[in-house]
Amino acid sequence: MQMNSNNKIRIILIEDHKLMRVGLKSLFEKYDDISVISEADNGKEGIEKVKNHKPDVVIIDVGLSDISGVEVAKRILAQCPDIKIMMLTSHLSQDAVIESLKAGVYAYILKDISSDMLAMVVKAVSQGAIWIDPKAVELIRDGGNIIPAKTKSRANFKATHANLTEREYEVLKLVVDGKSNYEIAQILKISEHTSKAHVCNIIQKLVVDDRTQAAVKAIKEGLV
């Protein structure tokens, strides 16, 4: 992945709803390691901007007004195969999910995703991870034969990180979901102190610097 001198993940947004573009741009401004370098309100303009700016990640609305998001992804990857593409949508469609994955996109995301989760997915995708919204996974798992079952991914992750306890796996999944220590404590009915201790243990065992990196590693290696 090519990043700029500030080590920021460079993103281009291709989204025909202005409010959504503004919201996404504002959302990413909270993160020091992510930068929206350009945006487009239609597919043709987006393809041209990607060609000119060579970003690390492109986020595309599936339902663009001029060209379908899947077609935009195909044209971008034909010119720039190393760019990571994430598809964003309000509505689930089995065909759109399958066609997106066949085209070579790295993520398929619903627009109700939390801001922290979206940022984590961007970071994971920039490192080569594939992430699909759980609702989309359920939609295509039986008929699409595109991705492995979640249980297999979790088994692979557990085989690689056998030093994590079952409780730590539970906590890690909640960290990936963007939950705070307090929220984890409430969900698992444990004290906040215990929740914090589990998160610290996870960070140590995964050999990462913080909870965000732990979540990114879990996404990249197929826990979720």
Protein backbone atom coordinates (compact mmCIF):
# COMPACT_ATOMS: atom_id res chain seq x y z
CA MET A 1 0.00 0.00 0.00
CA GLN A 2 1.31 3.43 -0.93
CA MET A 3 0.76 6.15 1.65
CA ASN A 4 1.82 9.78 1.79
CA SER A 5 4.65 11.18 3.87
CA ASN A 6 2.35 11.64 6.85
CA ASN A 7 1.50 7.91 6.80
CA LYS A 8 -2.16 8.63 6.30
CA ILE A 9 -4.49 6.30 4.46
CA ARG A 10 -5.58 8.33 1.43
CA ILE A 11 -9.25 7.97 0.50
CA ILE A 12 -11.43 9.07 -2.39
CA LEU A 13 -15.21 9.12 -1.89
CA ILE A 14 -17.53 8.40 -4.82
CA GLU A 15 -21.03 9.14 -3.56
CA ASP A 16 -23.85 11.02 -5.31
CA HIS A 17 -25.58 12.21 -2.13
CA LYS A 18 -23.89 15.39 -0.92
CA LEU A 19 -24.98 14.98 2.70
CA MET A 20 -23.49 11.49 2.78
CA ARG A 21 -20.19 12.74 1.33
CA VAL A 22 -20.04 15.59 3.83
CA GLY A 23 -20.85 13.18 6.66
CA LEU A 24 -18.17 10.70 5.64
CA LYS A 25 -15.57 13.40 5.21
CA SER A 26 -16.42 14.86 8.62
CA LEU A 27 -16.32 11.40 10.18
CA PHE A 28 -12.83 10.64 8.85
CA GLU A 29 -11.48 14.00 10.05
CA LYS A 30 -11.57 12.56 13.58
CA TYR A 31 -8.81 10.09 12.70
CA ASP A 32 -5.20 11.23 12.40
CA ASP A 33 -4.23 8.34 10.12
CA ILE A 34 -7.02 8.74 7.52
CA SER A 35 -7.35 11.54 4.96
CA VAL A 36 -10.06 12.16 2.34
CA ILE A 37 -8.02 13.57 -0.55
CA SER A 38 -10.84 13.95 -3.08
CA GLU A 39 -14.50 13.21 -3.72
CA ALA A 40 -16.86 12.77 -6.66
CA ASP A 41 -20.64 12.84 -7.07
CA ASN A 42 -20.78 10.43 -10.00
CA GLY A 43 -18.98 7.39 -11.36
CA LYS A 44 -17.27 8.95 -14.37
CA GLU A 45 -15.80 11.79 -12.31
CA GLY A 46 -14.76 9.32 -9.63
CA ILE A 47 -12.89 7.10 -12.09
CA GLU A 48 -10.99 10.13 -13.39
CA LYS A 49 -10.09 11.35 -9.90
CA VAL A 50 -8.85 7.93 -8.86
CA LYS A 51 -6.70 7.80 -11.99
CA ASN A 52 -5.22 11.24 -11.20
CA HIS A 53 -4.74 10.94 -7.42
CA LYS A 54 -3.95 7.21 -6.96
CA PRO A 55 -5.49 6.84 -3.46
CA ASP A 56 -4.99 3.88 -1.13
CA VAL A 57 -8.72 3.23 -0.65
CA VAL A 58 -11.82 4.19 -2.65
CA ILE A 59 -15.26 4.14 -1.06
CA ILE A 60 -18.03 3.81 -3.66
CA ASP A 61 -21.80 4.05 -3.30
CA VAL A 62 -23.33 0.97 -4.95
CA GLY A 63 -26.25 2.94 -6.41
CA LEU A 64 -24.65 5.81 -8.31
CA SER A 65 -26.82 7.80 -10.71
CA ASP A 66 -24.74 7.49 -13.89
CA ILE A 67 -22.85 4.16 -13.66
CA SER A 68 -23.41 1.37 -11.17
CA GLY A 69 -20.93 1.26 -8.30
CA VAL A 70 -19.90 -2.25 -9.34
CA GLU A 71 -19.06 -1.06 -12.85
CA VAL A 72 -17.08 1.86 -11.42
CA ALA A 73 -15.13 -0.60 -9.26
CA LYS A 74 -14.37 -2.78 -12.30
CA ARG A 75 -13.11 0.18 -14.34
CA ILE A 76 -10.94 1.46 -11.49
CA LEU A 77 -9.39 -1.96 -10.87
CA ALA A 78 -8.75 -2.45 -14.58
CA GLN A 79 -6.57 0.69 -14.48
CA CYS A 80 -5.27 0.52 -10.89
CA PRO A 81 -5.41 -3.08 -9.62
CA ASP A 82 -3.58 -2.30 -6.35
CA ILE A 83 -6.19 0.15 -5.08
CA LYS A 84 -8.48 -1.19 -2.34
CA ILE A 85 -12.17 -0.62 -3.00
CA MET A 86 -14.97 -0.55 -0.43
CA MET A 87 -18.63 -0.62 -1.48
CA LEU A 88 -21.16 1.32 0.58
CA THR A 89 -24.92 0.82 0.36
CA SER A 90 -28.24 1.48 2.11
CA HIS A 91 -29.93 -1.64 0.77
CA LEU A 92 -28.85 -5.25 0.62
CA SER A 93 -28.91 -7.03 -2.71
CA GLN A 94 -27.56 -10.54 -3.16
CA ASP A 95 -26.58 -9.79 -6.77
CA ALA A 96 -24.78 -6.58 -5.82
CA VAL A 97 -22.82 -8.30 -3.05
CA ILE A 98 -21.78 -11.21 -5.27
CA GLU A 99 -20.92 -9.01 -8.26
CA SER A 100 -18.90 -6.66 -6.02
CA LEU A 101 -16.84 -9.51 -4.61
CA LYS A 102 -16.31 -11.01 -8.05
CA ALA A 103 -15.13 -7.59 -9.27
CA GLY A 104 -12.42 -7.61 -6.60
CA VAL A 105 -13.67 -5.22 -3.91
CA TYR A 106 -12.29 -5.61 -0.40
CA ALA A 107 -15.32 -4.56 1.65
CA TYR A 108 -19.11 -4.45 1.37
CA ILE A 109 -20.61 -2.16 3.99
CA LEU A 110 -24.08 -1.00 4.99
CA LYS A 111 -24.50 2.70 5.68
CA ASP A 112 -25.73 2.07 9.23
CA ILE A 113 -22.20 1.03 10.27
CA SER A 114 -20.78 2.92 13.27
CA SER A 115 -18.09 5.52 12.65
CA ASP A 116 -15.44 3.68 14.69
CA MET A 117 -16.22 0.41 12.93
CA LEU A 118 -16.00 2.06 9.52
CA ALA A 119 -12.61 3.56 10.40
CA MET A 120 -11.38 0.16 11.59
CA VAL A 121 -12.55 -1.47 8.36
CA VAL A 122 -10.76 1.21 6.32
CA LYS A 123 -7.54 0.52 8.23
CA ALA A 124 -7.90 -3.24 7.86
CA VAL A 125 -8.74 -3.03 4.16
CA SER A 126 -5.75 -0.74 3.55
CA GLN A 127 -3.61 -3.62 4.84
CA GLY A 128 -5.26 -6.16 2.54
CA ALA A 129 -8.12 -7.49 4.69
CA ILE A 130 -11.53 -8.37 3.29
CA TRP A 131 -14.59 -7.33 5.33
CA ILE A 132 -18.24 -7.97 4.57
CA ASP A 133 -21.15 -6.71 6.65
CA PRO A 134 -22.56 -9.64 8.67
CA LYS A 135 -26.01 -9.07 7.12
CA ALA A 136 -24.48 -9.42 3.66
CA VAL A 137 -22.64 -12.57 4.74
CA GLU A 138 -25.91 -14.18 5.77
CA LEU A 139 -27.47 -13.14 2.48
CA ILE A 140 -24.93 -14.84 0.23
CA ARG A 141 -23.31 -17.61 2.26
CA ASP A 142 -25.68 -20.39 1.20
CA GLY A 143 -26.05 -19.50 -2.47
CA GLY A 144 -22.98 -17.51 -3.43
CA ASN A 145 -20.10 -19.83 -2.58
CA ILE A 146 -18.00 -16.68 -2.61
CA ILE A 147 -16.73 -16.61 0.97
CA PRO A 148 -16.05 -19.19 3.67
CA ALA A 149 -18.41 -19.69 6.58
CA LYS A 150 -17.77 -17.48 9.59
CA THR A 151 -17.08 -20.51 11.75
CA LYS A 152 -14.16 -21.48 9.51
CA SER A 153 -12.67 -17.98 9.73
CA ARG A 154 -13.00 -18.01 13.51
CA ALA A 155 -11.42 -21.46 13.67
CA ASN A 156 -8.47 -20.20 11.63
CA PHE A 157 -8.08 -17.17 13.87
CA LYS A 158 -8.25 -19.32 17.02
CA ALA A 159 -5.67 -21.72 15.63
CA THR A 160 -3.31 -18.78 15.04
CA HIS A 161 -4.00 -17.14 18.40
CA ALA A 162 -4.50 -20.15 20.66
CA ASN A 163 -3.19 -18.19 23.65
CA LEU A 164 -6.44 -16.17 23.83
CA THR A 165 -9.04 -17.48 26.25
CA GLU A 166 -12.69 -17.98 25.26
CA ARG A 167 -13.64 -14.91 27.29
CA GLU A 168 -10.97 -12.88 25.52
CA TYR A 169 -12.44 -13.92 22.16
CA GLU A 170 -15.82 -12.62 23.37
CA VAL A 171 -14.26 -9.34 24.46
CA LEU A 172 -12.28 -9.00 21.23
CA LYS A 173 -15.43 -9.41 19.14
CA LEU A 174 -17.04 -6.58 21.13
CA VAL A 175 -13.91 -4.44 20.65
CA VAL A 176 -14.25 -5.04 16.90
CA ASP A 177 -17.87 -3.89 17.21
CA GLY A 178 -16.59 -0.61 18.65
CA LYS A 179 -17.75 -1.17 22.23
CA SER A 180 -16.10 0.70 25.11
CA ASN A 181 -14.82 -1.03 28.24
CA TYR A 182 -17.97 0.09 30.07
CA GLU A 183 -20.24 -1.28 27.31
CA ILE A 184 -18.33 -4.58 27.24
CA ALA A 185 -18.76 -4.86 31.01
CA GLN A 186 -22.50 -4.28 30.71
CA ILE A 187 -22.95 -6.81 27.89
CA LEU A 188 -20.88 -9.56 29.54
CA LYS A 189 -22.09 -8.72 33.07
CA ILE A 190 -18.59 -8.22 34.43
CA SER A 191 -16.96 -5.26 36.17
CA GLU A 192 -15.45 -2.46 34.09
CA HIS A 193 -12.10 -3.21 35.76
CA THR A 194 -12.29 -6.82 34.53
CA SER A 195 -13.30 -5.64 31.07
CA LYS A 196 -10.29 -3.32 30.91
CA ALA A 197 -8.01 -6.15 32.09
CA HIS A 198 -9.28 -8.43 29.31
CA VAL A 199 -8.65 -5.72 26.69
CA CYS A 200 -5.11 -5.16 28.02
CA ASN A 201 -4.43 -8.91 27.86
CA ILE A 202 -5.74 -9.07 24.28
CA ILE A 203 -3.50 -6.18 23.21
CA GLN A 204 -0.50 -7.93 24.75
CA LYS A 205 -1.27 -11.34 23.26
CA LEU A 206 -1.93 -10.00 19.76
CA VAL A 207 1.30 -7.95 19.98
CA VAL A 208 -0.35 -4.66 19.03
CA ASP A 209 -0.23 -1.16 20.52
CA ASP A 210 -3.89 -0.44 21.24
CA ARG A 211 -7.48 -1.67 20.95
CA THR A 212 -7.90 -0.23 17.46
CA GLN A 213 -4.94 -2.23 16.17
CA ALA A 214 -6.33 -5.31 17.91
CA ALA A 215 -9.65 -4.84 16.11
CA VAL A 216 -7.93 -4.28 12.77
CA LYS A 217 -5.86 -7.45 13.24
CA ALA A 218 -8.99 -9.43 14.11
CA ILE A 219 -10.76 -8.17 10.97
CA LYS A 220 -7.71 -8.75 8.76
CA GLU A 221 -7.22 -12.31 9.97
CA GLY A 222 -10.86 -13.34 9.66
CA LEU A 223 -12.32 -13.35 13.17
CA VAL A 224 -15.38 -11.45 11.94
